[in-house]
């Protein structure tokens, strides 16, 4: 109790989700599904962030940006391979990305 006064820095994230599906017969079910999906998505993302804290703790903002760029490039390559836009190569052969 009271840790927020003793710890520096403290990160706080707000997530605003607005879901509107304006078709009367389906509106309630679809909006309920959308909210449940986003809740699960954010819960999973926050859980992963916490579990991977050892990988990114101590990195500078520049290091984090480089890591994000490398992960985005790898994700785009995997998506291209899976959709047939890039030459096929087994995903296991892609080099892993490690934070610095």
C-alpha atoms as a PDB file:
ATOM      1  CA  UNK A   1       0.000   0.000   0.000  1.00  0.00           C
ATOM      2  CA  UNK A   2       1.325   3.433  -0.902  1.00  0.00           C
ATOM      3  CA  UNK A   3       3.803   2.108  -3.468  1.00  0.00           C
ATOM      4  CA  UNK A   4       2.716   4.713  -6.025  1.00  0.00           C
ATOM      5  CA  UNK A   5       4.245   7.454  -3.851  1.00  0.00           C
ATOM      6  CA  UNK A   6       7.556   5.601  -3.512  1.00  0.00           C
ATOM      7  CA  UNK A   7       8.122   4.281  -7.049  1.00  0.00           C
ATOM      8  CA  UNK A   8       9.409   6.460  -9.884  1.00  0.00           C
ATOM      9  CA  UNK A   9       8.440   6.402 -12.738  1.00  0.00           C
ATOM     10  CA  UNK A  10       4.920   5.028 -12.746  1.00  0.00           C
ATOM     11  CA  UNK A  11       3.273   4.145 -16.034  1.00  0.00           C
ATOM     12  CA  UNK A  12      -0.449   4.534 -16.460  1.00  0.00           C
ATOM     13  CA  UNK A  13      -2.297   3.511 -19.607  1.00  0.00           C
ATOM     14  CA  UNK A  14      -5.853   4.393 -20.510  1.00  0.00           C
ATOM     15  CA  UNK A  15      -7.757   2.578 -23.206  1.00  0.00           C
ATOM     16  CA  UNK A  16     -10.884   4.118 -24.641  1.00  0.00           C
ATOM     17  CA  UNK A  17     -12.951   1.760 -26.739  1.00  0.00           C
ATOM     18  CA  UNK A  18     -16.023   2.926 -28.564  1.00  0.00           C
ATOM     19  CA  UNK A  19     -18.083   0.267 -30.327  1.00  0.00           C
ATOM     20  CA  UNK A  20     -21.129   1.064 -32.368  1.00  0.00           C
ATOM     21  CA  UNK A  21     -23.036  -1.365 -34.547  1.00  0.00           C
ATOM     22  CA  UNK A  22     -26.196   0.340 -35.721  1.00  0.00           C
ATOM     23  CA  UNK A  23     -28.343  -2.593 -36.876  1.00  0.00           C
ATOM     24  CA  UNK A  24     -31.232  -3.091 -34.432  1.00  0.00           C
ATOM     25  CA  UNK A  25     -31.626  -6.866 -34.581  1.00  0.00           C
ATOM     26  CA  UNK A  26     -27.911  -7.578 -34.150  1.00  0.00           C
ATOM     27  CA  UNK A  27     -26.718  -4.494 -32.295  1.00  0.00           C
ATOM     28  CA  UNK A  28     -26.720  -5.872 -28.740  1.00  0.00           C
ATOM     29  CA  UNK A  29     -25.001  -9.169 -29.569  1.00  0.00           C
ATOM     30  CA  UNK A  30     -22.384  -7.654 -31.875  1.00  0.00           C
ATOM     31  CA  UNK A  31     -21.491  -4.819 -29.481  1.00  0.00           C
ATOM     32  CA  UNK A  32     -21.318  -7.323 -26.603  1.00  0.00           C
ATOM     33  CA  UNK A  33     -18.951  -9.482 -28.678  1.00  0.00           C
ATOM     34  CA  UNK A  34     -16.818  -6.454 -29.612  1.00  0.00           C
ATOM     35  CA  UNK A  35     -16.444  -5.380 -25.982  1.00  0.00           C
ATOM     36  CA  UNK A  36     -15.645  -8.927 -24.830  1.00  0.00           C
ATOM     37  CA  UNK A  37     -13.049  -9.247 -27.609  1.00  0.00           C
ATOM     38  CA  UNK A  38     -11.322  -5.969 -26.773  1.00  0.00           C
ATOM     39  CA  UNK A  39     -11.308  -6.822 -23.061  1.00  0.00           C
ATOM     40  CA  UNK A  40      -9.635 -10.151 -23.811  1.00  0.00           C
ATOM     41  CA  UNK A  41      -7.199  -8.459 -26.197  1.00  0.00           C
ATOM     42  CA  UNK A  42      -6.118  -5.835 -23.653  1.00  0.00           C
ATOM     43  CA  UNK A  43      -5.933  -8.366 -20.817  1.00  0.00           C
ATOM     44  CA  UNK A  44      -3.683 -10.617 -22.892  1.00  0.00           C
ATOM     45  CA  UNK A  45      -1.507  -7.685 -23.989  1.00  0.00           C
ATOM     46  CA  UNK A  46      -1.077  -6.460 -20.412  1.00  0.00           C
ATOM     47  CA  UNK A  47      -0.295  -9.977 -19.190  1.00  0.00           C
ATOM     48  CA  UNK A  48       2.353 -10.374 -21.908  1.00  0.00           C
ATOM     49  CA  UNK A  49       3.819  -6.965 -21.103  1.00  0.00           C
ATOM     50  CA  UNK A  50       4.212  -7.977 -17.475  1.00  0.00           C
ATOM     51  CA  UNK A  51       5.614 -11.434 -18.299  1.00  0.00           C
ATOM     52  CA  UNK A  52       8.200  -9.956 -20.677  1.00  0.00           C
ATOM     53  CA  UNK A  53       9.346  -7.186 -18.334  1.00  0.00           C
ATOM     54  CA  UNK A  54      12.784  -8.802 -18.017  1.00  0.00           C
ATOM     55  CA  UNK A  55      13.303  -8.416 -21.765  1.00  0.00           C
ATOM     56  CA  UNK A  56      12.636  -4.678 -21.980  1.00  0.00           C
ATOM     57  CA  UNK A  57      13.411  -3.364 -18.478  1.00  0.00           C
ATOM     58  CA  UNK A  58      16.444  -1.111 -18.561  1.00  0.00           C
ATOM     59  CA  UNK A  59      16.202  -0.385 -22.283  1.00  0.00           C
ATOM     60  CA  UNK A  60      16.440   3.194 -23.425  1.00  0.00           C
ATOM     61  CA  UNK A  61      13.630   4.684 -25.506  1.00  0.00           C
ATOM     62  CA  UNK A  62      15.894   4.414 -28.554  1.00  0.00           C
ATOM     63  CA  UNK A  63      16.466   0.695 -27.847  1.00  0.00           C
ATOM     64  CA  UNK A  64      12.717   0.144 -27.473  1.00  0.00           C
ATOM     65  CA  UNK A  65      12.027   1.900 -30.797  1.00  0.00           C
ATOM     66  CA  UNK A  66      14.675  -0.240 -32.543  1.00  0.00           C
ATOM     67  CA  UNK A  67      13.184  -3.384 -30.998  1.00  0.00           C
ATOM     68  CA  UNK A  68       9.674  -2.338 -32.104  1.00  0.00           C
ATOM     69  CA  UNK A  69      10.948  -1.738 -35.650  1.00  0.00           C
ATOM     70  CA  UNK A  70      12.637  -5.160 -35.792  1.00  0.00           C
ATOM     71  CA  UNK A  71       9.525  -6.895 -34.460  1.00  0.00           C
ATOM     72  CA  UNK A  72       7.312  -5.040 -36.972  1.00  0.00           C
ATOM     73  CA  UNK A  73       9.628  -6.002 -39.860  1.00  0.00           C
ATOM     74  CA  UNK A  74       9.607  -9.652 -38.770  1.00  0.00           C
ATOM     75  CA  UNK A  75       5.823  -9.649 -38.333  1.00  0.00           C
ATOM     76  CA  UNK A  76       5.348  -8.120 -41.792  1.00  0.00           C
ATOM     77  CA  UNK A  77       7.695 -10.719 -43.307  1.00  0.00           C
ATOM     78  CA  UNK A  78       5.812 -13.574 -41.640  1.00  0.00           C
ATOM     79  CA  UNK A  79       2.500 -12.132 -42.864  1.00  0.00           C
ATOM     80  CA  UNK A  80       3.901 -11.810 -46.396  1.00  0.00           C
ATOM     81  CA  UNK A  81       5.176 -15.388 -46.364  1.00  0.00           C
ATOM     82  CA  UNK A  82       1.860 -16.746 -45.087  1.00  0.00           C
ATOM     83  CA  UNK A  83      -0.157 -14.780 -47.640  1.00  0.00           C
ATOM     84  CA  UNK A  84       2.117 -15.806 -50.531  1.00  0.00           C
ATOM     85  CA  UNK A  85       3.469 -12.309 -51.220  1.00  0.00           C
ATOM     86  CA  UNK A  86       7.026 -13.293 -50.264  1.00  0.00           C
ATOM     87  CA  UNK A  87       8.956 -16.393 -51.307  1.00  0.00           C
ATOM     88  CA  UNK A  88       8.216 -19.331 -49.038  1.00  0.00           C
ATOM     89  CA  UNK A  89      10.656 -20.096 -46.285  1.00  0.00           C
ATOM     90  CA  UNK A  90      10.032 -22.086 -43.131  1.00  0.00           C
ATOM     91  CA  UNK A  91       9.253 -19.703 -40.290  1.00  0.00           C
ATOM     92  CA  UNK A  92      11.564 -21.698 -38.012  1.00  0.00           C
ATOM     93  CA  UNK A  93      14.507 -20.535 -40.140  1.00  0.00           C
ATOM     94  CA  UNK A  94      13.878 -16.852 -39.394  1.00  0.00           C
ATOM     95  CA  UNK A  95      16.398 -15.547 -36.875  1.00  0.00           C
ATOM     96  CA  UNK A  96      14.930 -14.713 -33.464  1.00  0.00           C
ATOM     97  CA  UNK A  97      14.756 -11.115 -32.332  1.00  0.00           C
ATOM     98  CA  UNK A  98      16.384 -10.436 -29.006  1.00  0.00           C
ATOM     99  CA  UNK A  99      16.240  -7.139 -27.127  1.00  0.00           C
ATOM    100  CA  UNK A 100      19.622  -5.524 -26.599  1.00  0.00           C
END
